[in-house]
C-alpha atoms as a PDB file:
ATOM      1  CA  MET A   1      47.712 -16.931 -13.087  1.00  0.00           C
ATOM      2  CA  GLU A   2      44.727 -19.252 -14.033  1.00  0.00           C
ATOM      3  CA  ASP A   3      44.914 -21.075 -10.989  1.00  0.00           C
ATOM      4  CA  LEU A   4      45.026 -17.693  -9.021  1.00  0.00           C
ATOM      5  CA  ALA A   5      42.132 -16.934 -11.023  1.00  0.00           C
ATOM      6  CA  ARG A   6      40.150 -20.222  -9.990  1.00  0.00           C
ATOM      7  CA  VAL A   7      40.959 -19.341  -6.261  1.00  0.00           C
ATOM      8  CA  GLU A   8      39.977 -16.032  -6.104  1.00  0.00           C
ATOM      9  CA  HIS A   9      36.498 -17.019  -8.030  1.00  0.00           C
ATOM     10  CA  LEU A  10      35.811 -19.588  -5.539  1.00  0.00           C
ATOM     11  CA  ALA A  11      36.752 -17.547  -2.705  1.00  0.00           C
ATOM     12  CA  ASP A  12      34.110 -14.598  -4.117  1.00  0.00           C
ATOM     13  CA  LEU A  13      31.762 -17.577  -4.124  1.00  0.00           C
ATOM     14  CA  ALA A  14      32.577 -18.689  -0.665  1.00  0.00           C
ATOM     15  CA  ASP A  15      32.352 -15.169   0.629  1.00  0.00           C
ATOM     16  CA  LEU A  16      30.122 -14.850   3.722  1.00  0.00           C
ATOM     17  CA  LEU A  17      30.757 -11.129   4.263  1.00  0.00           C
ATOM     18  CA  ARG A  18      28.563  -9.831   1.671  1.00  0.00           C
ATOM     19  CA  PRO A  19      25.378 -11.370   2.300  1.00  0.00           C
ATOM     20  CA  ALA A  20      26.158 -10.794   6.064  1.00  0.00           C
ATOM     21  CA  ALA A  21      26.453  -7.267   5.262  1.00  0.00           C
ATOM     22  CA  ILE A  22      23.024  -6.941   3.290  1.00  0.00           C
ATOM     23  CA  ARG A  23      21.358  -8.841   5.326  1.00  0.00           C
ATOM     24  CA  THR A  24      22.457  -6.605   8.658  1.00  0.00           C
ATOM     25  CA  THR A  25      21.883  -3.340   6.374  1.00  0.00           C
ATOM     26  CA  ALA A  26      17.974  -5.092   5.988  1.00  0.00           C
ATOM     27  CA  THR A  27      17.877  -5.791   9.907  1.00  0.00           C
ATOM     28  CA  LEU A  28      19.049  -1.930  10.856  1.00  0.00           C
ATOM     29  CA  GLY A  29      16.708  -0.291   8.512  1.00  0.00           C
ATOM     30  CA  VAL A  30      19.595   1.741   7.283  1.00  0.00           C
ATOM     31  CA  VAL A  31      18.090   1.970   3.873  1.00  0.00           C
ATOM     32  CA  ASP A  32      14.890   3.660   5.168  1.00  0.00           C
ATOM     33  CA  HIS A  33      16.595   5.770   7.225  1.00  0.00           C
ATOM     34  CA  ILE A  34      18.802   7.509   4.335  1.00  0.00           C
ATOM     35  CA  ALA A  35      15.527   7.535   2.418  1.00  0.00           C
ATOM     36  CA  ALA A  36      14.125   9.507   5.333  1.00  0.00           C
ATOM     37  CA  GLY A  37      16.705  12.088   5.073  1.00  0.00           C
ATOM     38  CA  VAL A  38      19.524  10.953   7.546  1.00  0.00           C
ATOM     39  CA  THR A  39      22.684  10.604   5.450  1.00  0.00           C
ATOM     40  CA  ASP A  40      25.325  11.379   7.890  1.00  0.00           C
ATOM     41  CA  THR A  41      27.240   8.331   9.702  1.00  0.00           C
ATOM     42  CA  GLU A  42      26.481  10.096  13.339  1.00  0.00           C
ATOM     43  CA  GLY A  43      23.042  10.571  12.495  1.00  0.00           C
ATOM     44  CA  LEU A  44      22.269   6.495  10.977  1.00  0.00           C
ATOM     45  CA  ALA A  45      24.367   5.571  14.312  1.00  0.00           C
ATOM     46  CA  ARG A  46      22.065   7.193  16.215  1.00  0.00           C
ATOM     47  CA  ALA A  47      18.824   6.150  14.252  1.00  0.00           C
ATOM     48  CA  CYS A  48      19.893   2.290  13.693  1.00  0.00           C
ATOM     49  CA  GLY A  49      21.088   1.921  17.171  1.00  0.00           C
ATOM     50  CA  THR A  50      24.607   1.071  16.535  1.00  0.00           C
ATOM     51  CA  ARG A  51      28.280   2.170  17.186  1.00  0.00           C
ATOM     52  CA  ALA A  52      29.122   4.935  14.388  1.00  0.00           C
ATOM     53  CA  ASP A  53      32.702   3.786  13.591  1.00  0.00           C
ATOM     54  CA  VAL A  54      31.771  -0.060  12.969  1.00  0.00           C
ATOM     55  CA  LEU A  55      28.630   1.173  11.117  1.00  0.00           C
ATOM     56  CA  ASP A  56      30.863   3.624   9.053  1.00  0.00           C
ATOM     57  CA  SER A  57      32.876   0.734   7.890  1.00  0.00           C
ATOM     58  CA  LEU A  58      29.410  -1.086   6.749  1.00  0.00           C
ATOM     59  CA  LEU A  59      28.727   1.992   4.804  1.00  0.00           C
ATOM     60  CA  ARG A  60      31.730   2.142   3.108  1.00  0.00           C
ATOM     61  CA  TYR A  61      31.678  -1.378   2.201  1.00  0.00           C
ATOM     62  CA  LEU A  62      27.925  -1.156   1.401  1.00  0.00           C
ATOM     63  CA  VAL A  63      29.709   1.966  -1.284  1.00  0.00           C
ATOM     64  CA  GLU A  64      32.273  -0.890  -2.456  1.00  0.00           C
ATOM     65  CA  LEU A  65      28.908  -3.237  -3.328  1.00  0.00           C
ATOM     66  CA  GLU A  66      27.125  -0.508  -5.409  1.00  0.00           C
ATOM     67  CA  LEU A  67      24.170   0.073  -2.911  1.00  0.00           C
ATOM     68  CA  LEU A  68      25.186   3.334  -1.404  1.00  0.00           C
ATOM     69  CA  ASP A  69      27.243   6.357  -2.774  1.00  0.00           C
ATOM     70  CA  HIS A  70      28.572   9.538  -1.029  1.00  0.00           C
ATOM     71  CA  ASP A  71      26.967  12.807  -1.515  1.00  0.00           C
ATOM     72  CA  ALA A  72      28.387  16.256  -2.035  1.00  0.00           C
ATOM     73  CA  ASP A  73      28.573  16.550   1.854  1.00  0.00           C
ATOM     74  CA  GLY A  74      30.334  13.353   2.250  1.00  0.00           C
ATOM     75  CA  GLY A  75      27.130  11.620   3.326  1.00  0.00           C
ATOM     76  CA  TYR A  76      25.433   8.737   1.719  1.00  0.00           C
ATOM     77  CA  VAL A  77      22.709   8.530  -0.784  1.00  0.00           C
ATOM     78  CA  LEU A  78      21.046   5.302  -2.407  1.00  0.00           C
ATOM     79  CA  ARG A  79      21.789   3.946  -5.420  1.00  0.00           C
ATOM     80  CA  GLU A  80      18.843   2.387  -7.726  1.00  0.00           C
ATOM     81  CA  ALA A  81      20.331  -1.274  -6.464  1.00  0.00           C
ATOM     82  CA  ALA A  82      19.621  -0.517  -2.757  1.00  0.00           C
ATOM     83  CA  GLN A  83      15.702   0.535  -3.521  1.00  0.00           C
ATOM     84  CA  PRO A  84      14.358  -3.139  -2.829  1.00  0.00           C
ATOM     85  CA  LEU A  85      15.527  -2.707   0.753  1.00  0.00           C
ATOM     86  CA  ARG A  86      13.343  -0.011   1.637  1.00  0.00           C
ATOM     87  CA  GLU A  87      10.094  -1.046   3.701  1.00  0.00           C
ATOM     88  CA  ASP A  88       7.678   0.790   1.369  1.00  0.00           C
ATOM     89  CA  HIS A  89       9.222  -0.571  -1.813  1.00  0.00           C
ATOM     90  CA  PRO A  90       6.774  -2.191  -3.897  1.00  0.00           C
ATOM     91  CA  TYR A  91       8.970  -5.446  -4.067  1.00  0.00           C
ATOM     92  CA  THR A  92      10.661  -4.866  -0.902  1.00  0.00           C
ATOM     93  CA  LEU A  93      13.043  -7.612   0.448  1.00  0.00           C
ATOM     94  CA  ARG A  94      13.857  -6.019   3.771  1.00  0.00           C
ATOM     95  CA  GLU A  95      11.760  -8.411   5.973  1.00  0.00           C
ATOM     96  CA  ALA A  96      12.758 -11.653   3.867  1.00  0.00           C
ATOM     97  CA  LEU A  97      16.499 -10.481   4.609  1.00  0.00           C
ATOM     98  CA  ARG A  98      16.262  -9.318   8.155  1.00  0.00           C
ATOM     99  CA  LEU A  99      18.545 -11.385  10.561  1.00  0.00           C
ATOM    100  CA  ASP A 100      15.741 -10.960  13.112  1.00  0.00           C
ATOM    101  CA  GLY A 101      13.020 -11.978  10.991  1.00  0.00           C
ATOM    102  CA  VAL A 102      10.995 -15.348  10.383  1.00  0.00           C
ATOM    103  CA  THR A 103      12.856 -16.132   7.006  1.00  0.00           C
ATOM    104  CA  GLY A 104      16.233 -14.364   7.996  1.00  0.00           C
ATOM    105  CA  ARG A 105      16.511 -16.883  11.234  1.00  0.00           C
ATOM    106  CA  SER A 106      15.719 -19.867   8.660  1.00  0.00           C
ATOM    107  CA  ASP A 107      18.465 -18.724   6.120  1.00  0.00           C
ATOM    108  CA  VAL A 108      21.233 -18.459   8.584  1.00  0.00           C
ATOM    109  CA  ALA A 109      20.757 -21.598   9.673  1.00  0.00           C
ATOM    110  CA  LEU A 110      21.908 -22.519   6.197  1.00  0.00           C
ATOM    111  CA  MET A 111      25.595 -22.679   7.764  1.00  0.00           C
ATOM    112  CA  GLY A 112      24.523 -25.697   9.133  1.00  0.00           C
ATOM    113  CA  LEU A 113      23.854 -27.541   5.604  1.00  0.00           C
ATOM    114  CA  ALA A 114      26.375 -30.207   6.270  1.00  0.00           C
ATOM    115  CA  HIS A 115      24.246 -31.632   9.000  1.00  0.00           C
ATOM    116  CA  THR A 116      21.561 -31.875   6.415  1.00  0.00           C
ATOM    117  CA  VAL A 117      23.591 -33.757   3.644  1.00  0.00           C
ATOM    118  CA  ARG A 118      25.034 -36.059   6.705  1.00  0.00           C
ATOM    119  CA  THR A 119      21.635 -36.939   8.199  1.00  0.00           C
ATOM    120  CA  GLY A 120      18.610 -35.427   6.031  1.00  0.00           C
ATOM    121  CA  GLU A 121      17.657 -33.339   9.369  1.00  0.00           C
ATOM    122  CA  PRO A 122      17.055 -29.800   9.028  1.00  0.00           C
ATOM    123  CA  ALA A 123      19.770 -27.649   8.976  1.00  0.00           C
ATOM    124  CA  HIS A 124      18.452 -25.513  12.310  1.00  0.00           C
ATOM    125  CA  VAL A 125      19.193 -28.657  14.026  1.00  0.00           C
ATOM    126  CA  GLY A 126      22.752 -28.951  12.824  1.00  0.00           C
ATOM    127  CA  LEU A 127      23.593 -25.350  13.708  1.00  0.00           C
ATOM    128  CA  PHE A 128      21.362 -24.435  16.924  1.00  0.00           C
ATOM    129  CA  GLY A 129      20.848 -27.759  18.268  1.00  0.00           C
ATOM    130  CA  ARG A 130      17.021 -27.903  18.119  1.00  0.00           C
ATOM    131  CA  GLY A 131      14.261 -27.308  15.577  1.00  0.00           C
ATOM    132  CA  TYR A 132      13.326 -24.047  14.180  1.00  0.00           C
ATOM    133  CA  TRP A 133       9.957 -23.786  15.533  1.00  0.00           C
ATOM    134  CA  ASP A 134      11.065 -24.665  19.025  1.00  0.00           C
ATOM    135  CA  SER A 135      13.825 -21.579  18.319  1.00  0.00           C
ATOM    136  CA  LEU A 136      10.880 -19.130  17.307  1.00  0.00           C
ATOM    137  CA  ASN A 137       9.391 -19.664  20.685  1.00  0.00           C
ATOM    138  CA  GLU A 138      12.212 -19.509  23.009  1.00  0.00           C
ATOM    139  CA  GLY A 139      10.794 -15.953  24.252  1.00  0.00           C
ATOM    140  CA  ALA A 140       8.301 -13.421  23.319  1.00  0.00           C
ATOM    141  CA  ALA A 141      10.822 -11.611  21.240  1.00  0.00           C
ATOM    142  CA  HIS A 142      10.397 -13.362  18.107  1.00  0.00           C
ATOM    143  CA  ALA A 143       6.443 -13.213  18.158  1.00  0.00           C
ATOM    144  CA  GLU A 144       6.946  -9.644  16.679  1.00  0.00           C
ATOM    145  CA  ALA A 145       8.814 -11.023  13.613  1.00  0.00           C
ATOM    146  CA  ILE A 146       5.903 -14.024  13.354  1.00  0.00           C
ATOM    147  CA  ALA A 147       3.849 -10.871  13.246  1.00  0.00           C
ATOM    148  CA  ARG A 148       5.483  -8.906  10.688  1.00  0.00           C
ATOM    149  CA  ALA A 149       6.046 -11.968   8.492  1.00  0.00           C
ATOM    150  CA  SER A 150       2.084 -12.570   8.676  1.00  0.00           C
ATOM    151  CA  SER A 151       0.836 -11.198   5.212  1.00  0.00           C
ATOM    152  CA  GLY A 152      -2.644 -13.059   5.677  1.00  0.00           C
ATOM    153  CA  GLN A 153      -2.077 -14.110   2.320  1.00  0.00           C
ATOM    154  CA  LEU A 154      -3.166 -17.560   1.289  1.00  0.00           C
ATOM    155  CA  VAL A 155      -0.404 -19.359  -0.247  1.00  0.00           C
ATOM    156  CA  PHE A 156       0.044 -23.070  -2.307  1.00  0.00           C
ATOM    157  CA  ASP A 157      -3.448 -23.107  -3.382  1.00  0.00           C
ATOM    158  CA  ALA A 158      -4.719 -23.111   0.392  1.00  0.00           C
ATOM    159  CA  GLU A 159      -8.175 -21.881  -1.456  1.00  0.00           C
ATOM    160  CA  LEU A 160      -8.680 -25.789  -1.964  1.00  0.00           C
ATOM    161  CA  ILE A 161      -9.467 -25.786   1.943  1.00  0.00           C
ATOM    162  CA  LEU A 162     -12.142 -23.320   1.997  1.00  0.00           C
ATOM    163  CA  ASP A 163     -14.269 -24.503  -0.957  1.00  0.00           C
ATOM    164  CA  GLY A 164     -13.127 -28.157  -1.652  1.00  0.00           C
ATOM    165  CA  TYR A 165     -14.360 -29.524   1.336  1.00  0.00           C
ATOM    166  CA  GLY A 166     -18.038 -29.952   2.832  1.00  0.00           C
ATOM    167  CA  TRP A 167     -17.873 -27.360   5.265  1.00  0.00           C
ATOM    168  CA  SER A 168     -21.663 -26.724   5.245  1.00  0.00           C
ATOM    169  CA  ALA A 169     -22.053 -30.201   7.671  1.00  0.00           C
ATOM    170  CA  VAL A 170     -19.107 -29.096  10.353  1.00  0.00           C
ATOM    171  CA  HIS A 171     -19.841 -27.109  13.398  1.00  0.00           C
ATOM    172  CA  SER A 172     -16.270 -27.018  14.789  1.00  0.00           C
ATOM    173  CA  VAL A 173     -12.829 -27.014  13.454  1.00  0.00           C
ATOM    174  CA  VAL A 174      -9.433 -26.900  14.873  1.00  0.00           C
ATOM    175  CA  ASP A 175      -6.658 -25.894  12.992  1.00  0.00           C
ATOM    176  CA  VAL A 176      -3.809 -27.716  14.437  1.00  0.00           C
ATOM    177  CA  GLY A 177      -0.461 -25.621  14.023  1.00  0.00           C
ATOM    178  CA  GLY A 178      -2.105 -22.902  12.491  1.00  0.00           C
ATOM    179  CA  ASN A 179       0.698 -20.410  12.965  1.00  0.00           C
ATOM    180  CA  SER A 180      -0.731 -16.773  12.627  1.00  0.00           C
ATOM    181  CA  GLY A 181      -4.408 -17.783  11.933  1.00  0.00           C
ATOM    182  CA  THR A 182      -4.512 -16.633   8.318  1.00  0.00           C
ATOM    183  CA  ILE A 183      -6.270 -19.913   6.984  1.00  0.00           C
ATOM    184  CA  LEU A 184      -8.738 -20.295  10.124  1.00  0.00           C
ATOM    185  CA  THR A 185      -9.738 -16.777   9.921  1.00  0.00           C
ATOM    186  CA  ALA A 186     -10.169 -17.077   6.220  1.00  0.00           C
ATOM    187  CA  LEU A 187     -12.313 -20.090   6.772  1.00  0.00           C
ATOM    188  CA  LEU A 188     -14.494 -18.794   9.232  1.00  0.00           C
ATOM    189  CA  LEU A 189     -15.152 -15.478   7.364  1.00  0.00           C
ATOM    190  CA  ARG A 190     -16.178 -17.801   4.554  1.00  0.00           C
ATOM    191  CA  HIS A 191     -18.283 -19.990   6.218  1.00  0.00           C
ATOM    192  CA  PRO A 192     -20.106 -18.084   9.236  1.00  0.00           C
ATOM    193  CA  HIS A 193     -21.899 -20.980  11.206  1.00  0.00           C
ATOM    194  CA  LEU A 194     -18.296 -22.438  12.239  1.00  0.00           C
ATOM    195  CA  ARG A 195     -16.642 -22.304  15.341  1.00  0.00           C
ATOM    196  CA  GLY A 196     -12.543 -22.277  15.329  1.00  0.00           C
ATOM    197  CA  THR A 197      -9.773 -23.107  17.781  1.00  0.00           C
ATOM    198  CA  LEU A 198      -6.373 -22.703  16.552  1.00  0.00           C
ATOM    199  CA  VAL A 199      -3.311 -24.639  18.528  1.00  0.00           C
ATOM    200  CA  ASP A 200      -0.024 -23.516  18.183  1.00  0.00           C
ATOM    201  CA  LEU A 201       3.100 -22.950  20.106  1.00  0.00           C
ATOM    202  CA  PRO A 202       3.149 -19.665  22.400  1.00  0.00           C
ATOM    203  CA  ASN A 203       4.408 -17.156  19.923  1.00  0.00           C
ATOM    204  CA  GLN A 204       2.327 -18.086  16.791  1.00  0.00           C
ATOM    205  CA  ALA A 205      -0.870 -18.852  18.882  1.00  0.00           C
ATOM    206  CA  GLN A 206      -0.246 -14.727  20.329  1.00  0.00           C
ATOM    207  CA  VAL A 207      -0.253 -13.538  16.874  1.00  0.00           C
ATOM    208  CA  ALA A 208      -3.020 -15.688  15.779  1.00  0.00           C
ATOM    209  CA  ALA A 209      -5.130 -14.357  18.693  1.00  0.00           C
ATOM    210  CA  GLY A 210      -4.599 -10.744  17.428  1.00  0.00           C
ATOM    211  CA  ALA A 211      -5.453 -11.900  13.409  1.00  0.00           C
ATOM    212  CA  ILE A 212      -8.209 -13.185  15.207  1.00  0.00           C
ATOM    213  CA  ALA A 213      -9.711 -10.074  16.883  1.00  0.00           C
ATOM    214  CA  ARG A 214      -8.877  -7.932  14.087  1.00  0.00           C
ATOM    215  CA  ALA A 215     -11.087 -10.362  11.929  1.00  0.00           C
ATOM    216  CA  GLY A 216     -13.928  -9.892  14.409  1.00  0.00           C
ATOM    217  CA  LEU A 217     -14.238 -12.955  15.417  1.00  0.00           C
ATOM    218  CA  SER A 218     -13.427 -13.535  19.117  1.00  0.00           C
ATOM    219  CA  ASP A 219     -16.675 -14.491  19.620  1.00  0.00           C
ATOM    220  CA  ARG A 220     -16.299 -17.748  17.819  1.00  0.00           C
ATOM    221  CA  CYS A 221     -12.922 -18.304  17.509  1.00  0.00           C
ATOM    222  CA  GLU A 222      -9.690 -18.787  20.171  1.00  0.00           C
ATOM    223  CA  ALA A 223      -6.254 -19.529  19.893  1.00  0.00           C
ATOM    224  CA  VAL A 224      -4.577 -21.952  22.090  1.00  0.00           C
ATOM    225  CA  SER A 225      -0.977 -22.363  23.029  1.00  0.00           C
ATOM    226  CA  GLY A 226       0.141 -25.966  22.785  1.00  0.00           C
ATOM    227  CA  SER A 227       1.783 -28.440  20.826  1.00  0.00           C
ATOM    228  CA  PHE A 228       0.743 -30.745  18.371  1.00  0.00           C
ATOM    229  CA  PHE A 229       2.566 -33.473  19.829  1.00  0.00           C
ATOM    230  CA  ASP A 230       0.849 -33.308  23.273  1.00  0.00           C
ATOM    231  CA  PRO A 231      -3.111 -33.897  23.716  1.00  0.00           C
ATOM    232  CA  LEU A 232      -5.395 -31.274  21.336  1.00  0.00           C
ATOM    233  CA  PRO A 233      -8.877 -30.409  22.338  1.00  0.00           C
ATOM    234  CA  ALA A 234     -10.930 -33.007  22.242  1.00  0.00           C
ATOM    235  CA  GLY A 235     -14.314 -33.719  20.885  1.00  0.00           C
ATOM    236  CA  ARG A 236     -14.493 -31.174  17.672  1.00  0.00           C
ATOM    237  CA  ASP A 237     -15.831 -32.301  14.145  1.00  0.00           C
ATOM    238  CA  VAL A 238     -12.462 -31.543  12.183  1.00  0.00           C
ATOM    239  CA  TYR A 239      -8.923 -31.408  12.661  1.00  0.00           C
ATOM    240  CA  LEU A 240      -6.798 -29.285   9.971  1.00  0.00           C
ATOM    241  CA  LEU A 241      -3.476 -30.277   9.076  1.00  0.00           C
ATOM    242  CA  SER A 242      -2.501 -27.358   6.849  1.00  0.00           C
ATOM    243  CA  ALA A 243       1.008 -27.798   5.222  1.00  0.00           C
ATOM    244  CA  ILE A 244       2.254 -29.396   8.402  1.00  0.00           C
ATOM    245  CA  LEU A 245       3.851 -32.551   7.684  1.00  0.00           C
ATOM    246  CA  GLY A 246       6.642 -31.583   5.778  1.00  0.00           C
ATOM    247  CA  ASP A 247       8.320 -30.066   8.504  1.00  0.00           C
ATOM    248  CA  TRP A 248       8.858 -33.315  10.059  1.00  0.00           C
ATOM    249  CA  ASP A 249       9.974 -37.264   9.317  1.00  0.00           C
ATOM    250  CA  ASP A 250       7.590 -40.120   8.896  1.00  0.00           C
ATOM    251  CA  GLU A 251       7.879 -41.182  12.374  1.00  0.00           C
ATOM    252  CA  GLN A 252       7.114 -37.564  13.751  1.00  0.00           C
ATOM    253  CA  ALA A 253       3.852 -37.174  11.173  1.00  0.00           C
ATOM    254  CA  VAL A 254       2.416 -40.414  12.275  1.00  0.00           C
ATOM    255  CA  ALA A 255       2.739 -38.689  15.921  1.00  0.00           C
ATOM    256  CA  ILE A 256       1.031 -36.020  15.144  1.00  0.00           C
ATOM    257  CA  LEU A 257      -1.530 -37.641  13.216  1.00  0.00           C
ATOM    258  CA  ARG A 258      -2.226 -40.030  16.149  1.00  0.00           C
ATOM    259  CA  ARG A 259      -2.787 -37.181  18.382  1.00  0.00           C
ATOM    260  CA  CYS A 260      -5.357 -35.719  15.927  1.00  0.00           C
ATOM    261  CA  ALA A 261      -7.009 -39.232  15.791  1.00  0.00           C
ATOM    262  CA  GLU A 262      -6.854 -39.088  19.478  1.00  0.00           C
ATOM    263  CA  ALA A 263      -8.432 -35.816  19.831  1.00  0.00           C
ATOM    264  CA  ALA A 264     -11.189 -36.388  16.793  1.00  0.00           C
ATOM    265  CA  GLY A 265     -12.339 -40.016  18.688  1.00  0.00           C
ATOM    266  CA  GLY A 266     -14.959 -42.039  17.081  1.00  0.00           C
ATOM    267  CA  THR A 267     -16.649 -38.965  15.431  1.00  0.00           C
ATOM    268  CA  GLY A 268     -14.477 -36.120  14.310  1.00  0.00           C
ATOM    269  CA  LYS A 269     -12.629 -35.915  11.419  1.00  0.00           C
ATOM    270  CA  VAL A 270      -8.832 -35.552  10.603  1.00  0.00           C
ATOM    271  CA  LEU A 271      -8.502 -33.609   7.576  1.00  0.00           C
ATOM    272  CA  LEU A 272      -5.175 -33.353   5.759  1.00  0.00           C
ATOM    273  CA  ALA A 273      -4.212 -30.472   3.757  1.00  0.00           C
ATOM    274  CA  ASP A 274      -0.447 -30.798   2.690  1.00  0.00           C
ATOM    275  CA  VAL A 275       1.643 -29.486   0.336  1.00  0.00           C
ATOM    276  CA  ASN A 276       3.761 -31.286  -2.239  1.00  0.00           C
ATOM    277  CA  LEU A 277       6.671 -29.435  -3.244  1.00  0.00           C
ATOM    278  CA  ASP A 278       8.158 -31.630  -5.942  1.00  0.00           C
ATOM    279  CA  VAL A 279       6.950 -29.001  -8.658  1.00  0.00           C
ATOM    280  CA  VAL A 280       8.525 -26.246  -6.921  1.00  0.00           C
ATOM    281  CA  MET A 281      11.919 -28.267  -6.719  1.00  0.00           C
ATOM    282  CA  ARG A 282      11.622 -29.086 -10.696  1.00  0.00           C
ATOM    283  CA  GLY A 283      11.812 -25.236 -11.868  1.00  0.00           C
ATOM    284  CA  GLU A 284      14.592 -23.599 -13.571  1.00  0.00           C
ATOM    285  CA  GLN A 285      17.080 -23.814 -10.480  1.00  0.00           C
ATOM    286  CA  ALA A 286      16.375 -27.210  -9.484  1.00  0.00           C
ATOM    287  CA  ALA A 287      19.472 -28.187  -7.677  1.00  0.00           C
ATOM    288  CA  ARG A 288      19.377 -25.013  -5.948  1.00  0.00           C
ATOM    289  CA  MET A 289      15.721 -25.170  -4.819  1.00  0.00           C
ATOM    290  CA  GLU A 290      15.840 -28.706  -3.969  1.00  0.00           C
ATOM    291  CA  LEU A 291      18.939 -28.151  -1.689  1.00  0.00           C
ATOM    292  CA  TRP A 292      17.254 -25.061   0.065  1.00  0.00           C
ATOM    293  CA  LEU A 293      14.209 -27.031   0.875  1.00  0.00           C
ATOM    294  CA  ARG A 294      15.749 -29.779   2.131  1.00  0.00           C
ATOM    295  CA  ALA A 295      17.891 -27.781   3.960  1.00  0.00           C
ATOM    296  CA  MET A 296      14.711 -26.269   5.716  1.00  0.00           C
ATOM    297  CA  MET A 297      12.409 -29.202   6.088  1.00  0.00           C
ATOM    298  CA  PRO A 298      12.841 -32.968   5.922  1.00  0.00           C
ATOM    299  CA  THR A 299      10.160 -33.880   3.589  1.00  0.00           C
ATOM    300  CA  PRO A 300       9.212 -31.213   0.870  1.00  0.00           C
ATOM    301  CA  VAL A 301       7.665 -33.653  -1.187  1.00  0.00           C
ATOM    302  CA  ARG A 302       4.900 -36.614  -0.320  1.00  0.00           C
ATOM    303  CA  THR A 303       2.737 -38.255  -2.709  1.00  0.00           C
ATOM    304  CA  VAL A 304      -1.058 -38.774  -2.040  1.00  0.00           C
ATOM    305  CA  ASP A 305      -0.223 -42.193  -1.388  1.00  0.00           C
ATOM    306  CA  GLN A 306       2.325 -41.856   0.696  1.00  0.00           C
ATOM    307  CA  LEU A 307       0.239 -39.252   3.113  1.00  0.00           C
ATOM    308  CA  LYS A 308      -2.384 -42.033   3.099  1.00  0.00           C
ATOM    309  CA  ARG A 309       0.123 -44.755   4.383  1.00  0.00           C
ATOM    310  CA  LEU A 310       0.726 -42.067   7.089  1.00  0.00           C
ATOM    311  CA  GLY A 311      -2.570 -41.590   8.016  1.00  0.00           C
ATOM    312  CA  GLN A 312      -3.122 -45.511   8.184  1.00  0.00           C
ATOM    313  CA  ALA A 313       0.155 -46.135  10.509  1.00  0.00           C
ATOM    314  CA  ALA A 314      -1.492 -43.441  12.591  1.00  0.00           C
ATOM    315  CA  GLY A 315      -4.956 -45.590  12.866  1.00  0.00           C
ATOM    316  CA  LEU A 316      -7.083 -43.898  10.570  1.00  0.00           C
ATOM    317  CA  ARG A 317      -8.806 -44.519   7.242  1.00  0.00           C
ATOM    318  CA  VAL A 318      -9.389 -42.603   4.343  1.00  0.00           C
ATOM    319  CA  THR A 319     -13.010 -41.304   4.105  1.00  0.00           C
ATOM    320  CA  ARG A 320     -12.819 -38.641   1.705  1.00  0.00           C
ATOM    321  CA  GLU A 321     -10.544 -37.567  -1.024  1.00  0.00           C
ATOM    322  CA  GLY A 322     -10.823 -33.767  -2.110  1.00  0.00           C
ATOM    323  CA  PRO A 323      -9.321 -32.162  -5.039  1.00  0.00           C
ATOM    324  CA  VAL A 324      -5.603 -32.299  -5.933  1.00  0.00           C
ATOM    325  CA  THR A 325      -3.415 -29.951  -7.656  1.00  0.00           C
ATOM    326  CA  PRO A 326       0.324 -29.598  -8.310  1.00  0.00           C
ATOM    327  CA  VAL A 327       1.070 -28.566  -4.675  1.00  0.00           C
ATOM    328  CA  ARG A 328      -1.899 -29.282  -2.400  1.00  0.00           C
ATOM    329  CA  SER A 329      -4.068 -32.562  -1.704  1.00  0.00           C
ATOM    330  CA  LEU A 330      -7.131 -32.839   0.472  1.00  0.00           C
ATOM    331  CA  ILE A 331      -7.371 -35.983   2.470  1.00  0.00           C
ATOM    332  CA  GLU A 332     -10.301 -36.645   5.035  1.00  0.00           C
ATOM    333  CA  PHE A 333      -9.509 -39.786   7.562  1.00  0.00           C
ATOM    334  CA  SER A 334     -11.545 -41.338  10.323  1.00  0.00           C
ATOM    335  CA  ALA A 335     -10.473 -42.934  13.301  1.00  0.00           C
END
C-alpha cells in the first residue's frame, strides 16, 4: 500500500491536466462570464466561443478542483478560490495564466525544460525550435498580448536609469530593445529636453508607438521596427540597453553590444542598465526560482565585472559607473 501511495503522489505531482484546465479557464474568461451572471453551460459556451459539450467537462472538473460549485438550477457559481481569475480582482492572475498571454506562452515552454538542463538554452528553443522573442513576433496577433502585459510600471530598480545618469548633457537616446516603451516614455517625461527612438521587433514596436502617442511624446519620440542584431539608427548620443543581455549568452550579448558601439561611433555612449537576478534566485524557494529563470533566460546572473568584460570584448571601454542595487547596475561605455 505504501508503494501505491507513492505512485499516486508522484502521478499527482506530474499531473498536467490541472494546470492546463486552470490556464484554459483564464484564457477563455470563464470566471468573468460567471461573475457577470452567465451561469449555464450553453450560455457560457456562447460567451467563451467554445463547444458546449467539452466546456461542460471543463466546468465539472473545476467543481472537482473546488473552484466552482453548482447553483440550485444546475448552473455554476464561483467559489472564493476562483476569484483571483477575475479580470477585475485586485490581485488578478488572469493575464499571468492566460495561454495566449506573454507570460503564459513563456510558461508553456517549461515543457521543454529538458532542453535547458541538457544545453543551458531557454526551454522555449527546445519546445518550439526558436527563441521566445522571435515567436512573439510571428504575427500581429501577439501584439495584443504584449499590450495587455504592458503595465507601465518600472521594475527591477529601473528608476536608476531615470535618476542615476547625467541626462542633462544628452540630447538624443535610443532605447535598444525597448519593448513596450515604459522606460523610454518615463525617461522623456522626466527629462523634457530629450529626444528618443525605440528599436524593437515589430509587435513590441507597435505597442510602444501606442504608448508614446498616449504619453503625448510623438513630437520627440518614435518607435522603429528592427532587431538589435542588425545595424541600429546611428549618430545618437546614448544607446540604452535595459535588462536585455540576460536573455542572451555571452557571444550574443557581445554581438548586441557591438551593434550599439557601431551606431554610437566615436562620440556616442552605450549605457548598459542590466539586471542581476542573483538575489531573486536566493529566496525561500531558491531551487524552484533558479530552475524557472534558467528555463527562461540563459544568464539571469551577471556581475558588474562580467558585464564590463562583455563590453571590452565588444570593443568598448568603461567611461562611467553609476549606482548599483541588488538587482541592477549602470555602466557607461564608449567606443
